[in-house]
């Protein structure tokens, strides 16, 4: 039923101005529109709605990855993002290299970073 429908991804934010700067300026997503409910971006053909949760009392970001991107070269992408001021996360028990990249049992290379709200995002090289 939904297998042929376009996916819309959602990420929460408490500060739409900071979120817009990050998703548009830092990550390079195409800004589409904004209203009081969300910022809308084109993420390479997938709609990303950065939902305004500033009125949600007690909001806390999820302690796990909520959105990720598949990239051709994780090391190059990490380098590009670091140059833009993005810091990469380290997790206890994960054997991550100097850039913070972890190699999964399947061989995929994964690195994690946070947006201004503390949401955990990832990049993966299959």
Protein backbone atom coordinates (compact mmCIF):
# COMPACT_ATOMS: atom_id res chain seq x y z
CA UNK A 1 0.00 0.00 0.00
CA UNK A 2 2.64 2.59 0.98
CA UNK A 3 5.46 0.93 -0.94
CA UNK A 4 4.89 3.23 -3.90
CA UNK A 5 4.22 6.39 -1.86
CA UNK A 6 6.86 9.04 -1.24
CA UNK A 7 8.37 9.07 2.25
CA UNK A 8 8.31 12.22 4.39
CA UNK A 9 10.85 12.30 7.22
CA UNK A 10 10.34 14.30 10.44
CA UNK A 11 12.90 15.79 12.82
CA UNK A 12 11.89 17.85 15.87
CA UNK A 13 13.31 21.28 16.71
CA UNK A 14 12.81 23.77 19.52
CA UNK A 15 14.53 26.57 17.56
CA UNK A 16 13.58 26.88 13.90
CA UNK A 17 16.15 29.61 13.18
CA UNK A 18 19.04 27.45 14.37
CA UNK A 19 17.58 24.40 12.66
CA UNK A 20 17.25 26.21 9.33
CA UNK A 21 20.85 27.41 9.49
CA UNK A 22 22.03 23.88 10.27
CA UNK A 23 19.98 21.89 7.75
CA UNK A 24 20.29 24.45 4.96
CA UNK A 25 23.61 26.16 5.66
CA UNK A 26 25.64 23.35 7.21
CA UNK A 27 24.17 20.20 5.66
CA UNK A 28 23.29 21.82 2.34
CA UNK A 29 19.66 20.73 2.09
CA UNK A 30 17.41 22.72 -0.23
CA UNK A 31 15.02 24.91 1.79
CA UNK A 32 11.46 24.71 0.45
CA UNK A 33 9.21 26.54 2.91
CA UNK A 34 8.42 27.46 6.49
CA UNK A 35 5.32 27.99 8.55
CA UNK A 36 4.57 27.95 12.26
CA UNK A 37 4.50 24.13 12.25
CA UNK A 38 7.67 23.18 10.39
CA UNK A 39 10.55 23.97 8.10
CA UNK A 40 10.43 21.94 4.90
CA UNK A 41 13.55 20.79 3.04
CA UNK A 42 14.26 18.70 -0.03
CA UNK A 43 16.71 16.00 1.02
CA UNK A 44 17.69 14.64 -2.41
CA UNK A 45 14.08 13.87 -3.34
CA UNK A 46 12.82 13.05 0.16
CA UNK A 47 10.83 15.68 2.01
CA UNK A 48 12.27 16.48 5.43
CA UNK A 49 9.93 18.33 7.78
CA UNK A 50 11.76 19.87 10.73
CA UNK A 51 8.80 20.12 13.06
CA UNK A 52 8.51 22.97 15.54
CA UNK A 53 8.17 21.37 18.99
CA UNK A 54 8.95 24.52 20.96
CA UNK A 55 5.59 24.30 22.69
CA UNK A 56 6.04 20.66 23.75
CA UNK A 57 6.73 20.69 27.48
CA UNK A 58 9.59 18.45 28.55
CA UNK A 59 10.69 17.65 25.01
CA UNK A 60 13.94 15.70 24.87
CA UNK A 61 15.67 14.36 21.76
CA UNK A 62 15.65 10.60 21.22
CA UNK A 63 18.78 8.79 22.46
CA UNK A 64 19.23 7.05 19.11
CA UNK A 65 19.64 7.89 15.42
CA UNK A 66 16.50 9.45 13.96
CA UNK A 67 17.69 10.33 10.43
CA UNK A 68 20.65 9.24 8.36
CA UNK A 69 22.16 9.69 4.93
CA UNK A 70 23.90 7.16 2.71
CA UNK A 71 27.13 8.65 1.38
CA UNK A 72 29.77 7.51 -1.11
CA UNK A 73 32.75 8.14 1.17
CA UNK A 74 32.11 8.49 4.90
CA UNK A 75 35.65 9.77 5.63
CA UNK A 76 35.37 12.58 3.08
CA UNK A 77 31.91 13.53 4.33
CA UNK A 78 33.09 13.56 7.95
CA UNK A 79 35.95 15.85 6.91
CA UNK A 80 33.60 18.19 5.04
CA UNK A 81 31.23 18.41 8.01
CA UNK A 82 34.04 18.92 10.52
CA UNK A 83 35.24 21.88 8.43
CA UNK A 84 31.73 23.31 8.79
CA UNK A 85 31.91 22.99 12.57
CA UNK A 86 30.09 19.68 13.06
CA UNK A 87 31.38 17.48 15.88
CA UNK A 88 31.13 13.71 15.71
CA UNK A 89 29.87 11.53 18.52
CA UNK A 90 31.69 8.73 20.28
CA UNK A 91 29.84 5.92 22.01
CA UNK A 92 31.22 3.66 24.73
CA UNK A 93 31.80 0.12 23.52
CA UNK A 94 31.92 1.11 19.85
CA UNK A 95 35.29 0.67 18.14
CA UNK A 96 35.38 4.00 16.30
CA UNK A 97 38.40 5.29 14.38
CA UNK A 98 40.07 8.70 14.78
CA UNK A 99 37.24 10.39 12.82
CA UNK A 100 34.55 8.71 14.91
CA UNK A 101 33.69 6.17 12.18
CA UNK A 102 32.51 2.70 13.26
CA UNK A 103 32.60 -0.31 10.95
CA UNK A 104 29.54 -2.52 11.30
CA UNK A 105 29.69 -6.32 11.07
CA UNK A 106 28.38 -6.02 7.48
CA UNK A 107 31.28 -3.72 6.59
CA UNK A 108 29.24 -0.51 6.44
CA UNK A 109 30.99 2.54 7.87
CA UNK A 110 28.88 4.77 10.10
CA UNK A 111 29.47 8.09 11.88
CA UNK A 112 27.07 10.02 14.10
CA UNK A 113 26.59 13.72 14.80
CA UNK A 114 23.97 15.92 16.42
CA UNK A 115 21.91 18.81 15.15
CA UNK A 116 21.48 21.97 17.29
CA UNK A 117 18.62 20.31 19.22
CA UNK A 118 20.67 17.25 20.11
CA UNK A 119 18.96 14.92 17.63
CA UNK A 120 21.32 12.13 16.59
CA UNK A 121 21.91 11.97 12.84
CA UNK A 122 24.17 9.63 10.90
CA UNK A 123 26.06 9.12 7.69
CA UNK A 124 26.68 5.62 6.32
CA UNK A 125 28.92 4.29 3.60
CA UNK A 126 27.60 0.86 2.60
